[in-house]
Amino acid sequence: MDNFANRVGKVKSEINEFFFFFLVECNFAKAKAPALFCVEKNEVANGSERESILQFSGKMTSGKEKVRVTAEYRLCCATRSSIEKLESPVLLGPLDHITQNFTPITVVFVYHRSESLKEELVPLKRFQRSLERLLDYYPHLTGRIVVDEKDNTPQIEQLGAGGKLIEAKSSEPLEAFEAVGDDDEPASKPRLIVTNLPEGGNALLPSLAGINDPILSVQHTRFACGGVAIGMCIRHIICDASGFFQLIRDLSELYRQFPGCDNDNGSVQLSKPPHTHSYKAELHNMTSEERQEALKYQPTGFKLSPEAGKAEKETKSRTLSPTVVGRVLRFSSSELTALKTEANINNNGKPLSTFCSTAAHIWQSISRARARLREANSVVPIKAAQLLIPVDFRAQNQRDVPPQYFPNAVFSPVVSAPAAQLLDAPLSTVAAWIREGIQPQESIEMLKTVRWIAAQLDKRRVQPWYNYEQEGVFVTQWSKFDMYQGARFEVSPSLVAQPFTTSSLYDGLTYFMATEDQLKQSACSAGISSGSIDVSIALAEPIWTILDQDESFRRHRGW
């Protein structure tokens, strides 16, 4: 354990605290979460054994009894020439560089076997062939992330090393994990909830135990009822959420072209091939003159963190945080509509969207609960409240970003407001702050920012203009993506969810997730969430206690 503790200490000197838990993430400990999921940060900080890092509220049950790994396969391109077309190393772009190498995107897709389906649901061999054909279009996913020692720039080497496919089985039917949610309407039918799945869904994800693991790992789990769960894990440094769900759409499109295992790979093709070359990756080779010119610009959205030695000294002086608990809150369509209506009552400007209204409500509610806790503990109030929201500039019609763009294309603006003003402001005011804070950046300013990132001699130090020393809220809108219809194999998924892991259990981290209501939408409106959403929030346990007693938090729920 001494070696493990030393390794953690070294890593903490290299990255900021927000990304620290990504290093020890991904399935170190396993237990079933009946409703909540939590992590003791001090367990990680003290270098405890893996089995004690993840803890659940409620009765602890070993997930190993529910899911058993039976085989592991190496994933390679179906056609060798796919890799031969790439130059090694594969260079990433500046927008990839600002995403930590260790951060994974982890999502579970769960499929019920319909009674009308006579054949096996998502047979493994057909699924494996689809993945291999997918890698023909994404051959760089067969490599490994390697960090250039000169400027700590990540790049992809060892092309052809392969991805990973795990085969697993569960002794339980999917119905064993269904329940009526606390936020469901009265008399609702039981449904799948991610925190009820084996180990809170973590048992359905491939293990990602080290930084030398494959870029892409997949787990195929078959349940006793014939249902199937597909757990996907990909390095966030390779793509963002938009790219991830594009990858899933491409996989399902290829899979549906493999009705049997005798199809020729050449006849199985994507209708819209992906663009995998990272935006402005060529800036890696800028001249010294170009670097000096780029560094003259100071972007408004980014700053440089302290150097490694100073960061380590500051980290040691911080006090450890309390237990962080993850919950999934379902906001119905009517509740979302009511929040939007409330936000627009006193709004004299451009109409405020459902996202801005809901994000404002979450930000304000959490900030009020934290203020009450500080007051109860006689702690000095904070002066500024912060909200970080990733913004996808694909939707901003940036001419340099082609269609089907797969790599990262996200900036993360920070909305800041006086804390005292946030607590008492009308919802319309807070929502307007958010709307203004996420406005598109001018193309020339964005390009200067990208060049500034590329010119940095140590890419690890680039971070959003956010004060990690203070509490904040992070809201990510995944509900805008085609999470359900785009993931159809023989049937569409019954649940698409991101299990709570140590990386997502960061105090204030919030995801807006689409629900099965997305399946009721027409194909032309796919990705536009008009139904309910699941709001996955990780908060310090004392904050949940206050929110549970706050009647205004769910004032529009209706029951």
Protein backbone atom coordinates (compact mmCIF):
# COMPACT_ATOMS: atom_id res chain seq x y z
CA MET A 1 0.00 0.00 0.00
CA ASP A 2 2.95 2.35 0.44
CA ASN A 3 3.59 2.27 -3.31
CA PHE A 4 -0.05 3.02 -4.02
CA ALA A 5 -0.07 5.97 -1.61
CA ASN A 6 3.13 7.35 -3.12
CA ARG A 7 1.70 7.05 -6.60
CA VAL A 8 -1.46 8.93 -5.58
CA GLY A 9 0.64 11.67 -3.99
CA LYS A 10 2.64 12.07 -7.16
CA VAL A 11 -0.43 12.28 -9.33
CA LYS A 12 -2.02 14.88 -7.07
CA SER A 13 0.91 17.14 -7.80
CA GLU A 14 0.26 16.87 -11.51
CA ILE A 15 -3.46 17.60 -11.88
CA ASN A 16 -5.97 19.81 -10.11
CA GLU A 17 -8.26 18.47 -7.45
CA PHE A 18 -11.30 18.32 -9.68
CA PHE A 19 -9.81 15.52 -11.74
CA PHE A 20 -7.99 13.69 -8.95
CA PHE A 21 -10.53 10.95 -8.43
CA PHE A 22 -10.40 9.99 -12.11
CA LEU A 23 -7.09 8.28 -11.39
CA VAL A 24 -8.41 5.86 -8.79
CA GLU A 25 -11.73 5.54 -10.62
CA CYS A 26 -13.55 2.84 -12.42
CA ASN A 27 -14.73 -0.11 -10.43
CA PHE A 28 -12.15 -0.55 -7.67
CA ALA A 29 -14.85 -1.63 -5.25
CA LYS A 30 -18.15 -3.24 -5.93
CA ALA A 31 -21.45 -3.34 -4.02
CA LYS A 32 -25.16 -3.02 -4.80
CA ALA A 33 -26.81 0.38 -4.32
CA PRO A 34 -30.49 0.15 -3.53
CA ALA A 35 -31.12 3.87 -3.96
CA LEU A 36 -28.05 5.96 -3.27
CA PHE A 37 -24.38 5.80 -4.11
CA CYS A 38 -21.62 7.48 -2.16
CA VAL A 39 -17.87 7.71 -1.78
CA GLU A 40 -15.72 8.56 1.21
CA LYS A 41 -13.05 10.90 -0.15
CA ASN A 42 -10.81 10.35 2.84
CA GLU A 43 -10.61 6.64 1.98
CA VAL A 44 -9.00 7.56 -1.35
CA ALA A 45 -6.78 10.25 0.09
CA ASN A 46 -5.34 7.87 2.65
CA GLY A 47 -4.58 5.24 0.00
CA SER A 48 -6.93 2.60 1.42
CA GLU A 49 -7.60 -0.72 -0.26
CA ARG A 50 -9.67 -0.71 -3.41
CA GLU A 51 -12.54 -2.54 -1.76
CA SER A 52 -13.20 0.38 0.60
CA ILE A 53 -13.15 3.24 -1.88
CA LEU A 54 -16.79 2.95 -2.96
CA GLN A 55 -19.44 2.78 -0.28
CA PHE A 56 -23.20 2.61 -0.50
CA SER A 57 -25.90 3.85 1.84
CA GLY A 58 -28.22 1.01 2.76
CA LYS A 59 -27.53 -2.70 2.97
CA MET A 60 -24.32 -3.66 1.18
CA THR A 61 -24.54 -6.67 -1.14
CA SER A 62 -21.70 -8.11 -3.17
CA GLY A 63 -22.29 -7.39 -6.87
CA LYS A 64 -20.01 -10.30 -7.74
CA GLU A 65 -22.89 -12.60 -6.85
CA LYS A 66 -25.06 -10.91 -9.50
CA VAL A 67 -22.68 -10.57 -12.46
CA ARG A 68 -19.94 -13.01 -13.48
CA VAL A 69 -17.32 -12.34 -16.17
CA THR A 70 -16.97 -15.40 -18.42
CA ALA A 71 -14.57 -14.30 -21.18
CA GLU A 72 -12.48 -11.43 -22.50
CA TYR A 73 -11.74 -10.68 -26.16
CA ARG A 74 -9.35 -8.34 -27.93
CA LEU A 75 -11.04 -5.93 -30.33
CA CYS A 76 -9.23 -5.15 -33.58
CA CYS A 77 -10.23 -3.60 -36.87
CA ALA A 78 -12.05 -5.97 -39.21
CA THR A 79 -9.75 -4.83 -42.03
CA ARG A 80 -6.02 -4.50 -41.39
CA SER A 81 -5.63 -1.74 -43.96
CA SER A 82 -7.74 0.56 -41.75
CA ILE A 83 -4.80 1.01 -39.38
CA GLU A 84 -2.22 1.22 -42.14
CA LYS A 85 -3.84 4.43 -43.38
CA LEU A 86 -2.98 6.22 -40.12
CA GLU A 87 0.25 7.95 -39.28
CA SER A 88 1.72 7.11 -35.89
CA PRO A 89 1.55 8.80 -33.50
CA VAL A 90 -1.98 10.10 -34.01
CA LEU A 91 -1.99 13.71 -32.85
CA LEU A 92 -4.83 15.07 -30.74
CA GLY A 93 -6.05 18.66 -30.83
CA PRO A 94 -5.94 21.47 -28.25
CA LEU A 95 -9.56 20.80 -27.22
CA ASP A 96 -8.58 17.19 -26.50
CA HIS A 97 -5.53 18.29 -24.51
CA ILE A 98 -7.64 20.16 -21.95
CA THR A 99 -9.55 16.96 -21.15
CA GLN A 100 -7.72 14.74 -18.67
CA ASN A 101 -6.23 11.54 -20.04
CA PHE A 102 -7.60 9.52 -17.12
CA THR A 103 -11.22 10.65 -17.40
CA PRO A 104 -13.61 8.02 -18.78
CA ILE A 105 -17.05 8.36 -20.31
CA THR A 106 -18.98 5.41 -18.88
CA VAL A 107 -22.54 4.60 -19.97
CA VAL A 108 -24.75 1.54 -19.60
CA PHE A 109 -27.44 0.64 -22.17
CA VAL A 110 -30.00 -1.91 -20.92
CA TYR A 111 -32.28 -3.86 -23.29
CA HIS A 112 -35.33 -5.94 -22.43
CA ARG A 113 -36.00 -8.97 -24.61
CA SER A 114 -39.46 -8.53 -26.08
CA GLU A 115 -41.81 -11.52 -26.20
CA SER A 116 -42.17 -11.16 -29.96
CA LEU A 117 -38.42 -11.59 -30.51
CA LYS A 118 -37.78 -15.22 -31.38
CA GLU A 119 -34.00 -15.09 -31.78
CA GLU A 120 -31.41 -14.23 -29.15
CA LEU A 121 -31.15 -10.56 -28.24
CA VAL A 122 -27.81 -8.96 -29.25
CA PRO A 123 -25.89 -12.22 -29.82
CA LEU A 124 -22.28 -11.79 -28.77
CA LYS A 125 -20.62 -12.88 -32.04
CA ARG A 126 -22.70 -10.50 -34.12
CA PHE A 127 -22.07 -7.72 -31.64
CA GLN A 128 -18.32 -8.42 -31.71
CA ARG A 129 -18.24 -8.30 -35.51
CA SER A 130 -20.09 -4.98 -35.42
CA LEU A 131 -17.51 -3.55 -33.02
CA GLU A 132 -14.65 -4.73 -35.22
CA ARG A 133 -16.28 -3.17 -38.28
CA LEU A 134 -16.83 0.02 -36.26
CA LEU A 135 -13.09 0.18 -35.59
CA ASP A 136 -12.50 0.26 -39.35
CA TYR A 137 -14.03 3.73 -39.19
CA TYR A 138 -12.39 4.60 -35.86
CA PRO A 139 -9.01 2.78 -36.11
CA HIS A 140 -7.24 5.15 -33.70
CA LEU A 141 -9.36 3.64 -30.89
CA THR A 142 -7.17 0.51 -31.12
CA GLY A 143 -4.14 2.43 -29.84
CA ARG A 144 -2.95 3.62 -26.44
CA ILE A 145 -2.65 7.09 -24.93
CA VAL A 146 0.97 8.12 -24.48
CA VAL A 147 2.10 11.47 -23.03
CA ASP A 148 4.89 13.33 -24.79
CA GLU A 149 7.49 14.08 -22.10
CA LYS A 150 8.50 17.38 -23.73
CA ASP A 151 5.24 19.26 -23.13
CA ASN A 152 2.96 16.63 -21.57
CA THR A 153 0.87 16.50 -24.74
CA PRO A 154 -1.16 13.28 -25.02
CA GLN A 155 -1.08 11.39 -28.31
CA ILE A 156 -2.05 7.95 -29.60
CA GLU A 157 0.58 5.32 -30.23
CA GLN A 158 0.67 1.49 -30.39
CA LEU A 159 -2.01 1.39 -33.08
CA GLY A 160 -3.48 -2.09 -33.34
CA ALA A 161 -2.97 -2.94 -29.67
CA GLY A 162 -6.74 -3.33 -29.61
CA GLY A 163 -9.78 -2.54 -27.57
CA LYS A 164 -11.39 -4.85 -25.03
CA LEU A 165 -14.69 -6.76 -25.05
CA ILE A 166 -15.87 -8.43 -21.85
CA GLU A 167 -18.50 -11.18 -21.86
CA ALA A 168 -20.49 -11.49 -18.62
CA LYS A 169 -23.64 -13.15 -17.32
CA SER A 170 -26.10 -12.30 -14.58
CA SER A 171 -28.00 -14.88 -12.58
CA GLU A 172 -30.91 -12.48 -12.15
CA PRO A 173 -33.63 -11.30 -14.55
CA LEU A 174 -33.86 -7.59 -15.27
CA GLU A 175 -37.17 -7.46 -13.41
CA ALA A 176 -35.24 -8.05 -10.18
CA PHE A 177 -33.77 -4.55 -10.51
CA GLU A 178 -36.99 -2.69 -11.32
CA ALA A 179 -38.68 -0.42 -8.81
CA VAL A 180 -40.99 2.57 -8.54
CA GLY A 181 -38.85 5.67 -8.17
CA ASP A 182 -39.32 8.16 -5.35
CA ASP A 183 -40.04 10.83 -7.96
CA ASP A 184 -42.52 8.76 -9.98
CA GLU A 185 -46.19 9.65 -10.09
CA PRO A 186 -48.46 7.66 -7.77
CA ALA A 187 -49.48 4.24 -9.15
CA SER A 188 -46.54 4.24 -11.59
CA LYS A 189 -45.22 0.91 -12.84
CA PRO A 190 -41.81 -0.34 -11.71
CA ARG A 191 -38.94 0.63 -14.01
CA LEU A 192 -35.20 0.23 -14.26
CA ILE A 193 -33.23 2.72 -12.17
CA VAL A 194 -29.46 2.84 -12.51
CA THR A 195 -28.81 2.86 -8.74
CA ASN A 196 -30.77 -0.41 -8.45
CA LEU A 197 -28.62 -2.24 -11.01
CA PRO A 198 -25.83 -4.56 -9.78
CA GLU A 199 -23.29 -2.41 -7.93
CA GLY A 200 -25.20 0.69 -8.91
CA GLY A 201 -24.51 -0.19 -12.57
CA ASN A 202 -20.76 -0.51 -12.08
CA ALA A 203 -20.88 -4.31 -12.42
CA LEU A 204 -22.14 -3.78 -15.99
CA LEU A 205 -19.12 -1.66 -16.96
CA PRO A 206 -15.75 -3.00 -18.12
CA SER A 207 -12.99 -2.58 -15.57
CA LEU A 208 -10.67 0.35 -16.21
CA ALA A 209 -7.94 -0.20 -13.68
CA GLY A 210 -4.98 1.62 -15.19
CA ILE A 211 -3.86 4.37 -17.53
CA ASN A 212 -2.42 1.80 -19.96
CA ASP A 213 -5.82 0.22 -20.55
CA PRO A 214 -7.46 0.33 -24.02
CA ILE A 215 -9.03 3.54 -25.23
CA LEU A 216 -12.29 1.66 -25.82
CA SER A 217 -13.62 -1.08 -23.54
CA VAL A 218 -17.02 -2.74 -23.81
CA GLN A 219 -18.92 -5.22 -21.61
CA HIS A 220 -21.75 -7.42 -22.88
CA THR A 221 -23.83 -8.80 -19.98
CA ARG A 222 -26.69 -11.24 -20.53
CA PHE A 223 -29.35 -11.56 -17.85
CA ALA A 224 -31.32 -14.67 -16.89
CA CYS A 225 -34.41 -13.32 -18.70
CA GLY A 226 -32.53 -12.94 -21.99
CA GLY A 227 -32.13 -9.18 -21.59
CA VAL A 228 -28.77 -7.58 -22.29
CA ALA A 229 -26.74 -4.68 -20.92
CA ILE A 230 -24.00 -3.01 -22.96
CA GLY A 231 -21.48 -1.11 -20.85
CA MET A 232 -19.32 1.33 -22.80
CA CYS A 233 -16.16 2.98 -21.51
CA ILE A 234 -14.05 5.34 -23.61
CA ARG A 235 -11.33 7.83 -22.71
CA HIS A 236 -12.82 11.31 -22.54
CA ILE A 237 -9.64 12.73 -24.05
CA ILE A 238 -10.64 11.05 -27.33
CA CYS A 239 -14.18 12.43 -27.61
CA ASP A 240 -16.88 14.35 -25.78
CA ALA A 241 -20.47 13.26 -25.13
CA SER A 242 -21.60 14.27 -28.61
CA GLY A 243 -18.86 12.16 -30.17
CA PHE A 244 -19.65 9.28 -27.82
CA PHE A 245 -23.31 9.09 -28.82
CA GLN A 246 -22.28 9.40 -32.47
CA LEU A 247 -20.10 6.33 -31.91
CA ILE A 248 -23.11 4.48 -30.46
CA ARG A 249 -25.30 5.47 -33.42
CA ASP A 250 -22.64 4.20 -35.81
CA LEU A 251 -22.31 0.92 -33.89
CA SER A 252 -26.06 0.28 -33.96
CA GLU A 253 -26.26 1.13 -37.67
CA LEU A 254 -23.52 -1.39 -38.48
CA TYR A 255 -25.05 -4.01 -36.17
CA ARG A 256 -28.41 -3.84 -37.94
CA GLN A 257 -26.64 -4.66 -41.22
CA PHE A 258 -25.32 -7.94 -39.77
CA PRO A 259 -28.43 -10.16 -39.72
CA GLY A 260 -26.10 -13.13 -39.66
CA CYS A 261 -22.41 -13.79 -39.17
CA ASP A 262 -21.65 -14.53 -42.83
CA ASN A 263 -21.93 -10.99 -44.18
CA ASP A 264 -18.95 -9.60 -46.04
CA ASN A 265 -17.46 -6.65 -44.14
CA GLY A 266 -17.27 -4.58 -47.32
CA SER A 267 -21.04 -4.62 -47.72
CA VAL A 268 -21.59 -3.31 -44.18
CA GLN A 269 -21.04 0.45 -44.33
CA LEU A 270 -21.96 3.63 -42.50
CA SER A 271 -24.24 6.02 -44.35
CA LYS A 272 -22.35 8.97 -42.82
CA PRO A 273 -18.70 8.11 -42.03
CA PRO A 274 -17.18 9.95 -39.04
CA HIS A 275 -14.61 12.71 -39.08
CA THR A 276 -11.95 11.60 -36.59
CA HIS A 277 -9.14 14.12 -37.20
CA SER A 278 -8.94 16.49 -34.22
CA TYR A 279 -9.57 20.19 -34.73
CA LYS A 280 -6.30 22.12 -35.15
CA ALA A 281 -4.15 19.10 -34.32
CA GLU A 282 -1.53 20.56 -36.68
CA LEU A 283 -0.81 23.28 -34.11
CA HIS A 284 1.31 20.69 -32.32
CA ASN A 285 4.06 21.58 -34.78
CA MET A 286 3.86 25.38 -34.49
CA THR A 287 7.13 27.31 -34.80
CA SER A 288 8.68 29.18 -31.88
CA GLU A 289 7.56 32.48 -33.48
CA GLU A 290 3.98 31.21 -33.78
CA ARG A 291 4.10 30.03 -30.18
CA GLN A 292 5.28 33.41 -28.90
CA GLU A 293 2.54 35.18 -30.84
CA ALA A 294 -0.16 32.80 -29.54
CA LEU A 295 0.93 33.32 -25.93
CA LYS A 296 0.35 37.07 -26.17
CA TYR A 297 -3.38 36.43 -26.05
CA GLN A 298 -5.14 35.92 -22.71
CA PRO A 299 -8.37 33.93 -23.10
CA THR A 300 -11.33 34.80 -20.92
CA GLY A 301 -12.34 31.18 -20.32
CA PHE A 302 -9.07 29.56 -19.30
CA LYS A 303 -6.17 30.04 -16.91
CA LEU A 304 -3.01 28.21 -15.90
CA SER A 305 -3.04 26.21 -12.69
CA PRO A 306 -0.04 26.44 -10.30
CA GLU A 307 3.04 24.49 -11.23
CA ALA A 308 3.27 20.91 -9.99
CA GLY A 309 5.28 21.53 -6.82
CA LYS A 310 3.13 24.44 -5.69
CA ALA A 311 -0.08 22.55 -6.42
CA GLU A 312 1.07 19.63 -4.26
CA LYS A 313 1.84 21.98 -1.35
CA GLU A 314 -1.59 23.63 -1.62
CA THR A 315 -3.39 20.29 -1.83
CA LYS A 316 -1.83 19.05 1.41
CA SER A 317 -3.21 22.03 3.32
CA ARG A 318 -6.82 21.36 2.38
CA THR A 319 -9.26 19.63 4.68
CA LEU A 320 -10.93 16.46 3.47
CA SER A 321 -14.49 16.72 2.25
CA PRO A 322 -17.47 14.83 3.71
CA THR A 323 -19.08 11.83 2.07
CA VAL A 324 -20.44 12.56 -1.41
CA VAL A 325 -23.74 10.89 -2.30
CA GLY A 326 -25.16 10.43 -5.79
CA ARG A 327 -28.89 10.45 -6.47
CA VAL A 328 -31.04 10.32 -9.60
CA LEU A 329 -34.00 12.71 -9.49
CA ARG A 330 -36.71 12.41 -12.13
CA PHE A 331 -38.16 15.72 -13.27
CA SER A 332 -41.40 15.15 -15.16
CA SER A 333 -42.36 17.04 -18.31
CA SER A 334 -44.93 19.05 -16.36
CA GLU A 335 -42.36 19.95 -13.68
CA LEU A 336 -39.90 21.16 -16.31
CA THR A 337 -42.62 23.16 -18.04
CA ALA A 338 -43.59 24.78 -14.73
CA LEU A 339 -39.98 25.82 -14.04
CA LYS A 340 -39.70 27.32 -17.52
CA THR A 341 -43.00 29.16 -17.08
CA GLU A 342 -41.88 30.54 -13.71
CA ALA A 343 -38.59 31.73 -15.16
CA ASN A 344 -40.31 33.55 -18.02
CA ILE A 345 -43.02 35.30 -15.98
CA ASN A 346 -40.83 38.28 -15.12
CA ASN A 347 -38.50 37.93 -18.08
CA ASN A 348 -38.59 40.91 -20.42
CA GLY A 349 -35.96 39.69 -22.84
CA LYS A 350 -35.51 36.70 -25.10
CA PRO A 351 -37.50 33.65 -23.88
CA LEU A 352 -35.57 31.48 -21.45
CA SER A 353 -35.13 27.82 -22.39
CA THR A 354 -36.06 24.78 -20.34
CA PHE A 355 -32.37 24.05 -19.85
CA CYS A 356 -31.51 27.53 -18.55
CA SER A 357 -34.54 27.48 -16.24
CA THR A 358 -33.80 24.03 -14.82
CA ALA A 359 -30.06 24.65 -14.48
CA ALA A 360 -30.84 27.91 -12.66
CA HIS A 361 -33.18 26.08 -10.28
CA ILE A 362 -30.55 23.42 -9.50
CA TRP A 363 -27.76 25.98 -9.03
CA GLN A 364 -29.84 28.20 -6.78
CA SER A 365 -31.25 25.31 -4.69
CA ILE A 366 -27.82 23.80 -4.04
CA SER A 367 -26.35 27.23 -3.23
CA ARG A 368 -29.14 27.94 -0.73
CA ALA A 369 -28.63 24.56 0.96
CA ARG A 370 -24.87 25.16 1.22
CA ALA A 371 -25.50 28.63 2.67
CA ARG A 372 -27.78 27.15 5.33
CA LEU A 373 -25.15 24.56 6.22
CA ARG A 374 -22.40 27.20 6.51
CA GLU A 375 -24.65 29.32 8.71
CA ALA A 376 -25.45 26.35 10.96
CA ASN A 377 -21.74 25.60 11.31
CA SER A 378 -20.81 29.28 11.83
CA VAL A 379 -18.71 29.30 8.66
CA VAL A 380 -18.04 32.55 6.82
CA PRO A 381 -20.24 32.83 3.66
CA ILE A 382 -18.57 32.67 0.28
CA LYS A 383 -18.54 35.84 -1.81
CA ALA A 384 -19.02 34.39 -5.30
CA ALA A 385 -21.06 31.46 -6.58
CA GLN A 386 -19.88 29.54 -9.65
CA LEU A 387 -21.57 27.43 -12.31
CA LEU A 388 -19.59 25.58 -14.98
CA ILE A 389 -21.44 24.43 -18.11
CA PRO A 390 -19.77 22.61 -21.04
CA VAL A 391 -20.86 24.16 -24.35
CA ASP A 392 -20.67 22.18 -27.60
CA PHE A 393 -19.63 24.51 -30.39
CA ARG A 394 -20.80 22.03 -33.07
CA ALA A 395 -24.23 23.54 -32.49
CA GLN A 396 -22.82 27.04 -32.99
CA ASN A 397 -22.22 26.45 -36.72
CA GLN A 398 -18.46 26.76 -36.50
CA ARG A 399 -17.32 26.50 -40.11
CA ASP A 400 -14.07 24.73 -39.25
CA VAL A 401 -15.87 21.79 -37.58
CA PRO A 402 -17.13 19.31 -40.21
CA PRO A 403 -20.25 17.15 -39.95
CA GLN A 404 -19.93 13.89 -38.01
CA TYR A 405 -17.07 15.39 -35.99
CA PHE A 406 -16.02 12.82 -33.37
CA PRO A 407 -13.28 14.37 -31.14
CA ASN A 408 -13.78 16.92 -28.37
CA ALA A 409 -15.45 20.18 -29.37
CA VAL A 410 -16.38 21.66 -26.02
CA PHE A 411 -15.60 24.84 -24.12
CA SER A 412 -16.64 25.19 -20.48
CA PRO A 413 -17.64 28.77 -19.65
CA VAL A 414 -18.02 29.70 -16.00
CA VAL A 415 -21.03 31.71 -14.86
CA SER A 416 -20.24 33.66 -11.70
CA ALA A 417 -22.52 35.75 -9.50
CA PRO A 418 -22.38 37.35 -6.05
CA ALA A 419 -23.40 34.57 -3.68
CA ALA A 420 -25.77 36.73 -1.63
CA GLN A 421 -27.49 37.96 -4.77
CA LEU A 422 -27.92 34.43 -6.13
CA LEU A 423 -29.70 33.25 -2.99
CA ASP A 424 -32.47 35.89 -3.24
CA ALA A 425 -32.73 36.46 -7.00
CA PRO A 426 -35.87 35.48 -8.94
CA LEU A 427 -35.52 32.35 -11.06
CA SER A 428 -35.81 34.49 -14.20
CA THR A 429 -32.73 36.50 -13.21
CA VAL A 430 -30.60 33.42 -12.55
CA ALA A 431 -31.74 31.76 -15.79
CA ALA A 432 -30.86 34.95 -17.70
CA TRP A 433 -27.35 34.90 -16.19
CA ILE A 434 -26.90 31.38 -17.51
CA ARG A 435 -28.26 32.24 -20.95
CA GLU A 436 -25.83 35.12 -21.27
CA GLY A 437 -22.94 33.08 -19.88
CA ILE A 438 -23.18 30.33 -22.50
CA GLN A 439 -23.50 32.54 -25.57
CA PRO A 440 -21.37 31.46 -28.55
CA GLN A 441 -17.83 32.75 -28.65
CA GLU A 442 -16.76 34.72 -31.69
CA SER A 443 -14.91 32.51 -34.19
CA ILE A 444 -11.75 34.62 -34.13
CA GLU A 445 -11.69 34.62 -30.31
CA MET A 446 -12.20 30.86 -30.23
CA LEU A 447 -9.32 30.33 -32.66
CA LYS A 448 -7.04 32.53 -30.54
CA THR A 449 -7.98 30.51 -27.47
CA VAL A 450 -7.22 27.24 -29.25
CA ARG A 451 -3.84 28.58 -30.34
CA TRP A 452 -3.10 29.74 -26.78
CA ILE A 453 -3.82 26.23 -25.48
CA ALA A 454 -1.63 24.65 -28.15
CA ALA A 455 1.24 27.02 -27.30
CA GLN A 456 1.41 26.04 -23.63
CA LEU A 457 4.58 24.21 -22.67
CA ASP A 458 2.70 22.13 -20.09
CA LYS A 459 -0.82 21.22 -21.23
CA ARG A 460 -1.67 19.85 -17.78
CA ARG A 461 -1.84 23.35 -16.35
CA VAL A 462 -4.64 24.58 -18.64
CA GLN A 463 -7.99 24.65 -16.87
CA PRO A 464 -11.28 26.59 -16.98
CA TRP A 465 -11.40 29.95 -15.23
CA TYR A 466 -12.91 28.34 -12.17
CA ASN A 467 -11.91 28.55 -8.53
CA TYR A 468 -11.61 24.94 -7.41
CA GLU A 469 -10.93 26.13 -3.87
CA GLN A 470 -14.58 27.14 -3.55
CA GLU A 471 -17.80 25.19 -3.90
CA GLY A 472 -19.48 25.21 -7.28
CA VAL A 473 -21.99 23.44 -9.47
CA PHE A 474 -21.27 21.70 -12.78
CA VAL A 475 -24.20 21.05 -15.14
CA THR A 476 -23.83 18.86 -18.23
CA GLN A 477 -26.78 18.51 -20.62
CA TRP A 478 -26.78 15.00 -22.08
CA SER A 479 -30.56 15.04 -22.52
CA LYS A 480 -30.10 16.96 -25.80
CA PHE A 481 -28.49 13.92 -27.42
CA ASP A 482 -30.26 11.05 -29.14
CA MET A 483 -29.56 8.67 -26.27
CA TYR A 484 -32.29 6.09 -26.91
CA GLN A 485 -33.40 5.93 -30.55
CA GLY A 486 -29.81 6.08 -31.74
CA ALA A 487 -28.87 3.02 -29.66
CA ARG A 488 -31.35 0.55 -31.20
CA PHE A 489 -30.18 -2.97 -31.96
CA GLU A 490 -33.08 -5.45 -32.30
CA VAL A 491 -34.94 -3.19 -29.87
CA SER A 492 -34.34 0.21 -28.36
CA PRO A 493 -32.86 0.40 -24.84
CA SER A 494 -35.13 0.52 -21.82
CA LEU A 495 -32.53 2.51 -19.89
CA VAL A 496 -29.50 4.59 -20.83
CA ALA A 497 -27.64 5.77 -17.75
CA GLN A 498 -24.29 6.81 -16.38
CA PRO A 499 -23.53 4.87 -13.18
CA PHE A 500 -22.11 6.83 -10.28
CA THR A 501 -18.39 6.17 -10.10
CA THR A 502 -15.69 7.93 -8.14
CA SER A 503 -15.16 10.29 -11.07
CA SER A 504 -18.79 11.38 -11.21
CA LEU A 505 -19.11 11.58 -7.41
CA TYR A 506 -17.67 15.07 -7.27
CA ASP A 507 -19.61 17.50 -5.07
CA GLY A 508 -21.87 19.57 -7.33
CA LEU A 509 -21.46 17.51 -10.51
CA THR A 510 -24.84 17.28 -12.27
CA TYR A 511 -25.96 15.47 -15.43
CA PHE A 512 -29.25 16.05 -17.26
CA MET A 513 -30.08 12.65 -18.79
CA ALA A 514 -32.82 11.77 -21.27
CA THR A 515 -35.32 9.11 -20.20
CA GLU A 516 -37.35 6.46 -21.98
CA ASP A 517 -39.76 9.28 -22.91
CA GLN A 518 -37.35 9.98 -25.76
CA LEU A 519 -38.65 6.83 -27.45
CA LYS A 520 -42.08 8.46 -27.79
CA GLN A 521 -40.66 11.21 -29.98
CA SER A 522 -40.65 11.14 -33.74
CA ALA A 523 -37.40 10.45 -35.55
CA CYS A 524 -37.22 14.06 -36.79
CA SER A 525 -37.26 15.37 -33.20
CA ALA A 526 -34.72 12.88 -31.84
CA GLY A 527 -32.40 14.53 -29.36
CA ILE A 528 -34.90 17.24 -28.48
CA SER A 529 -36.09 16.25 -25.03
CA SER A 530 -39.80 17.06 -24.64
CA GLY A 531 -40.51 14.56 -21.88
CA SER A 532 -39.04 13.89 -18.46
CA ILE A 533 -35.34 14.00 -17.64
CA ASP A 534 -33.28 12.26 -14.97
CA VAL A 535 -31.08 14.69 -13.08
CA SER A 536 -28.09 12.82 -11.65
CA ILE A 537 -26.54 14.89 -8.87
CA ALA A 538 -23.58 14.23 -6.58
CA LEU A 539 -23.62 16.26 -3.37
CA ALA A 540 -22.12 16.20 0.09
CA GLU A 541 -24.38 14.17 2.37
CA PRO A 542 -25.32 17.12 4.66
CA ILE A 543 -26.56 19.06 1.62
CA TRP A 544 -28.94 16.25 0.70
CA THR A 545 -30.34 16.35 4.23
CA ILE A 546 -31.18 20.03 3.79
CA LEU A 547 -32.63 19.62 0.30
CA ASP A 548 -34.86 16.77 1.51
CA GLN A 549 -36.41 19.23 3.96
CA ASP A 550 -36.68 22.08 1.44
CA GLU A 551 -40.24 22.13 0.13
CA SER A 552 -39.35 24.67 -2.55
CA PHE A 553 -36.82 22.35 -4.19
CA ARG A 554 -39.52 20.21 -5.81
CA ARG A 555 -42.29 22.78 -5.59
CA HIS A 556 -43.58 21.99 -9.10
CA ARG A 557 -43.54 18.20 -8.81
CA GLY A 558 -47.31 18.05 -8.27
CA TRP A 559 -47.49 15.19 -5.76
